[in-house]
Protein backbone atom coordinates (compact mmCIF):
# COMPACT_ATOMS: atom_id res chain seq x y z
CA MET A 1 -227.75 -113.31 -157.89
CA ASP A 2 -230.23 -110.68 -156.68
CA VAL A 3 -231.42 -112.00 -153.31
CA LYS A 4 -235.17 -111.53 -152.84
CA THR A 5 -236.61 -111.38 -149.34
CA ARG A 6 -240.14 -112.05 -148.11
CA VAL A 7 -241.50 -111.19 -144.67
CA MET A 8 -244.85 -111.47 -142.93
CA LEU A 9 -246.28 -109.00 -140.42
CA VAL A 10 -248.93 -110.34 -138.00
CA GLU A 11 -250.49 -107.48 -136.05
CA ASP A 12 -254.08 -106.83 -134.96
CA GLU A 13 -253.61 -103.13 -134.13
CA ALA A 14 -254.17 -100.99 -137.25
CA THR A 15 -251.74 -98.17 -136.37
CA ALA A 16 -248.88 -100.51 -135.48
CA ARG A 17 -249.66 -102.56 -138.59
CA GLU A 18 -249.38 -99.46 -140.79
CA ILE A 19 -246.12 -98.24 -139.19
CA LEU A 20 -244.38 -101.61 -139.15
CA GLY A 21 -245.63 -102.41 -142.65
CA PHE A 22 -244.07 -99.21 -143.96
CA TYR A 23 -240.66 -99.85 -142.43
CA LEU A 24 -240.64 -103.49 -143.47
CA GLY A 25 -241.37 -102.31 -147.00
CA THR A 26 -238.25 -100.13 -146.99
CA LEU A 27 -236.03 -103.14 -146.29
CA PHE A 28 -237.68 -106.24 -147.73
CA ASP A 29 -238.88 -107.03 -151.25
CA GLU A 30 -242.26 -108.53 -150.32
CA VAL A 31 -244.35 -107.91 -147.21
CA LEU A 32 -247.33 -110.13 -146.37
CA VAL A 33 -249.79 -108.88 -143.75
CA ALA A 34 -252.11 -110.78 -141.40
CA LYS A 35 -254.45 -109.33 -138.77
CA ASP A 36 -254.35 -112.11 -136.16
CA GLY A 37 -252.56 -115.34 -135.32
CA LYS A 38 -254.96 -117.64 -137.17
CA GLU A 39 -254.70 -115.55 -140.34
CA GLY A 40 -250.92 -115.50 -139.86
CA LEU A 41 -250.75 -119.30 -139.67
CA ASP A 42 -252.97 -119.67 -142.75
CA THR A 43 -250.85 -117.13 -144.66
CA PHE A 44 -247.65 -118.95 -143.70
CA LEU A 45 -249.01 -122.28 -144.91
CA SER A 46 -250.10 -120.83 -148.25
CA HIS A 47 -247.08 -118.58 -148.94
CA ARG A 48 -244.02 -120.34 -147.52
CA PRO A 49 -241.11 -120.02 -147.61
CA ILE A 50 -241.17 -116.77 -145.61
CA ASP A 51 -237.78 -115.44 -144.54
CA LEU A 52 -238.92 -113.60 -141.40
CA ILE A 53 -242.15 -113.28 -139.42
CA LEU A 54 -242.78 -110.21 -137.27
CA THR A 55 -245.65 -110.84 -134.87
CA ASP A 56 -247.51 -109.24 -132.01
CA ILE A 57 -248.13 -111.43 -128.96
CA ARG A 58 -251.55 -110.30 -127.76
CA MET A 59 -253.97 -111.09 -130.62
CA PRO A 60 -257.43 -112.64 -131.01
CA HIS A 61 -258.16 -116.17 -132.27
CA LEU A 62 -254.55 -117.33 -131.87
CA ASN A 63 -251.94 -115.34 -129.94
CA GLY A 64 -248.45 -114.74 -131.30
CA LEU A 65 -246.66 -117.40 -129.28
CA GLU A 66 -249.31 -120.02 -130.08
CA MET A 67 -248.93 -119.14 -133.76
CA ILE A 68 -245.13 -119.44 -133.51
CA GLU A 69 -245.43 -122.88 -131.91
CA ALA A 70 -247.83 -124.00 -134.65
CA ILE A 71 -245.57 -122.69 -137.43
CA LYS A 72 -242.49 -124.37 -135.91
CA GLU A 73 -244.27 -127.70 -136.24
CA HIS A 74 -244.02 -127.14 -140.00
CA GLN A 75 -240.66 -125.31 -140.11
CA GLU A 76 -238.42 -125.65 -137.09
CA ASP A 77 -235.87 -123.02 -138.19
CA GLN A 78 -238.38 -120.27 -139.04
CA LYS A 79 -237.16 -116.82 -137.90
CA PHE A 80 -239.41 -114.59 -135.76
CA ILE A 81 -239.36 -111.16 -134.17
CA VAL A 82 -242.01 -110.57 -131.52
CA VAL A 83 -243.75 -107.36 -130.47
CA SER A 84 -245.45 -106.82 -127.11
CA ALA A 85 -247.30 -103.95 -125.48
CA HIS A 86 -245.80 -104.90 -122.13
CA LYS A 87 -242.46 -106.12 -120.82
CA GLU A 88 -243.84 -109.41 -119.56
CA GLU A 89 -241.07 -111.63 -118.26
CA GLU A 90 -242.94 -114.88 -118.74
CA LEU A 91 -243.74 -114.13 -122.39
CA LEU A 92 -240.21 -112.91 -123.05
CA LEU A 93 -238.67 -116.08 -121.61
CA ARG A 94 -241.10 -118.22 -123.57
CA SER A 95 -240.22 -116.40 -126.79
CA ILE A 96 -236.50 -116.91 -126.10
CA ASN A 97 -237.14 -120.63 -125.66
CA LEU A 98 -238.79 -120.56 -129.08
CA ARG A 99 -235.55 -119.08 -130.48
CA VAL A 100 -237.11 -115.77 -131.43
CA ILE A 101 -234.29 -113.60 -132.85
CA GLY A 102 -235.63 -110.19 -131.79
CA TYR A 103 -238.03 -108.55 -129.37
CA PHE A 104 -239.32 -105.01 -128.97
CA VAL A 105 -241.96 -103.28 -126.93
CA LYS A 106 -244.79 -100.87 -127.77
CA PRO A 107 -244.85 -97.91 -128.06
CA LEU A 108 -242.44 -98.52 -130.90
CA ASN A 109 -239.08 -96.77 -131.01
CA ILE A 110 -238.33 -96.49 -134.73
CA ASP A 111 -234.54 -96.43 -134.31
CA THR A 112 -234.72 -99.66 -132.31
CA VAL A 113 -237.14 -101.21 -134.79
CA MET A 114 -234.92 -100.37 -137.77
CA GLU A 115 -231.78 -101.60 -136.02
CA ILE A 116 -233.35 -104.97 -135.25
CA LEU A 117 -234.88 -105.29 -138.73
CA GLN A 118 -231.59 -104.42 -140.44
CA LYS A 119 -229.74 -107.07 -138.44
CA ALA A 120 -232.48 -109.60 -139.17
CA LYS A 121 -232.36 -108.84 -142.89
CA ALA A 122 -228.56 -109.10 -142.94
CA GLU A 123 -228.87 -112.54 -141.34
CA VAL A 124 -231.51 -113.61 -143.87
CA VAL A 125 -229.39 -112.38 -146.80
CA ARG A 126 -226.25 -114.08 -145.47
CA GLU A 127 -228.04 -117.41 -145.21
CA LYS A 128 -229.55 -117.11 -148.68
CA GLU A 129 -226.17 -116.25 -150.15
CA LYS A 130 -224.52 -119.21 -148.46
CA LEU A 131 -227.05 -121.44 -150.21
CA HIS A 132 -226.29 -119.87 -153.59
CA HIS A 133 -222.60 -119.09 -152.97
CA THR A 134 -223.13 -115.48 -154.00
CA PRO A 135 -221.36 -112.53 -152.31
CA ALA A 136 -223.52 -109.73 -150.90
CA ARG A 137 -221.41 -106.93 -152.35
CA VAL A 138 -222.73 -104.01 -154.38
CA ALA A 139 -220.27 -102.02 -156.50
CA LEU A 140 -221.52 -98.45 -156.19
CA ASN A 141 -218.91 -97.16 -158.62
CA ALA A 142 -215.27 -97.88 -159.48
CA THR A 143 -214.15 -96.73 -156.03
CA TYR A 144 -216.73 -97.86 -153.44
CA ILE A 145 -218.31 -101.20 -152.54
CA TYR A 146 -221.14 -101.83 -150.08
CA ASP A 147 -221.27 -105.18 -148.28
CA ALA A 148 -224.92 -105.90 -147.43
CA SER A 149 -224.18 -108.86 -145.16
CA SER A 150 -221.93 -106.84 -142.83
CA GLU A 151 -223.58 -103.45 -143.60
CA LEU A 152 -220.18 -101.87 -144.24
CA LEU A 153 -218.92 -99.48 -146.92
CA TYR A 154 -215.44 -100.05 -148.34
CA HIS A 155 -213.03 -98.30 -150.68
CA THR A 156 -211.85 -100.73 -153.37
CA ASN A 157 -208.39 -100.55 -151.80
CA GLY A 158 -209.89 -102.32 -148.78
CA THR A 159 -210.22 -99.26 -146.53
CA LEU A 160 -213.38 -99.21 -144.40
CA ILE A 161 -215.44 -96.01 -144.66
CA PRO A 162 -216.82 -95.33 -141.14
CA LEU A 163 -220.48 -94.30 -141.14
CA SER A 164 -222.74 -93.14 -138.33
CA LYS A 165 -226.05 -94.92 -137.78
CA LYS A 166 -228.03 -92.26 -139.65
CA GLU A 167 -225.48 -92.10 -142.47
CA LEU A 168 -225.75 -95.86 -142.87
CA LEU A 169 -229.56 -95.72 -142.93
CA LEU A 170 -229.45 -93.00 -145.59
CA LEU A 171 -227.00 -94.98 -147.70
CA GLN A 172 -229.16 -98.11 -147.40
CA ALA A 173 -232.26 -96.18 -148.43
CA LEU A 174 -230.48 -94.98 -151.58
CA ILE A 175 -229.08 -98.44 -152.35
CA ASN A 176 -232.51 -100.03 -151.90
CA HIS A 177 -233.75 -97.62 -154.59
CA LYS A 178 -230.61 -97.83 -156.75
CA GLY A 179 -231.34 -96.45 -160.21
CA LYS A 180 -234.42 -94.55 -158.98
CA ILE A 181 -234.74 -91.01 -157.65
CA LEU A 182 -235.54 -91.05 -153.93
CA PRO A 183 -237.41 -87.88 -152.87
CA VAL A 184 -236.22 -86.01 -149.78
CA SER A 185 -239.59 -86.63 -148.11
CA GLU A 186 -239.14 -90.41 -148.43
CA CYS A 187 -235.56 -90.19 -147.17
CA LYS A 188 -236.77 -88.30 -144.09
CA ALA A 189 -239.59 -90.78 -143.47
CA TYR A 190 -237.11 -93.68 -143.74
CA LEU A 191 -234.70 -92.04 -141.30
CA TRP A 192 -237.00 -90.35 -138.78
CA GLY A 193 -240.45 -91.85 -139.27
CA GLU A 194 -243.20 -89.39 -138.36
CA GLU A 195 -240.85 -87.09 -136.46
CA GLU A 196 -240.77 -83.55 -137.88
CA VAL A 197 -237.28 -82.89 -139.24
CA SER A 198 -236.21 -79.80 -141.19
CA ASP A 199 -234.76 -79.94 -144.70
CA ALA A 200 -231.65 -78.24 -143.27
CA THR A 201 -231.11 -81.15 -140.87
CA PHE A 202 -231.46 -83.61 -143.72
CA ARG A 203 -229.08 -81.64 -145.95
CA THR A 204 -226.49 -81.64 -143.16
CA LEU A 205 -226.74 -85.42 -142.88
CA MET A 206 -226.49 -85.82 -146.66
CA LYS A 207 -223.42 -83.55 -146.75
CA ARG A 208 -221.71 -85.59 -144.01
CA LEU A 209 -222.29 -88.78 -145.98
CA ARG A 210 -221.11 -87.27 -149.28
CA ASP A 211 -218.01 -85.79 -147.63
CA LYS A 212 -216.99 -89.33 -146.68
CA ILE A 213 -217.21 -90.49 -150.31
CA SER A 214 -215.83 -87.30 -151.86
CA ALA A 215 -212.98 -89.18 -153.56
CA ASP A 216 -215.55 -90.51 -156.03
CA ASP A 217 -219.05 -89.39 -155.02
CA PHE A 218 -221.68 -91.84 -156.33
CA ILE A 219 -224.73 -89.94 -155.01
CA LEU A 220 -226.33 -87.65 -157.58
CA SER A 221 -228.66 -84.76 -156.72
CA ARG A 222 -231.68 -84.05 -158.90
CA LYS A 223 -232.85 -80.53 -158.14
CA GLY A 224 -236.43 -80.43 -156.93
CA GLN A 225 -236.71 -84.22 -157.14
CA GLY A 226 -234.33 -85.94 -154.75
CA TYR A 227 -231.21 -88.12 -154.82
CA ILE A 228 -230.15 -91.18 -156.79
CA ILE A 229 -227.38 -93.74 -157.06
CA ALA A 230 -227.30 -94.24 -160.82
């Protein structure tokens, strides 16, 4: 079974909404967007089930924690990640009491954001697969298998292929677009966000990844277009 994931982003700040929306879109199949807590609550009620809700705390009409409390009245086990412009101890403790599974602070650090989102997605996928008794393994070719629930790459003989954080992100980007050519520009945006990174740096990363799967390389290069896992 192909596990589909749906998330909602609740954020009143346009720039943060654009950045977070982009990165959510690289990991999840469907991204719903709301501009404040009231709109977030209304969207939840009209679109549930939603696997994960990423919400700011300081918002008009209904703040993030008030929205979380209202949503939990309808779905006690709903998963949330909260975003705050300040490290406010009281709000952090309150969010922990609400069983929020992740927390990060503005200005956003993309590496931290992606790490938390990847772990959250893995948890969502694991739970969905338990319900449907379906393994989260993707056969990349006759030699390599990727386990989405543990985010690990294996040789079919059971050997684990060790990957760095960036190598893993690159592999996940290609797997998320399996069967489609992923341009270098999109790869770089996925890995480094708005940071300026040279093509040479990207090629070095790609070479490191491909060296680790050289026994049966499943990544194909399309000159002038990008890379693909067929």
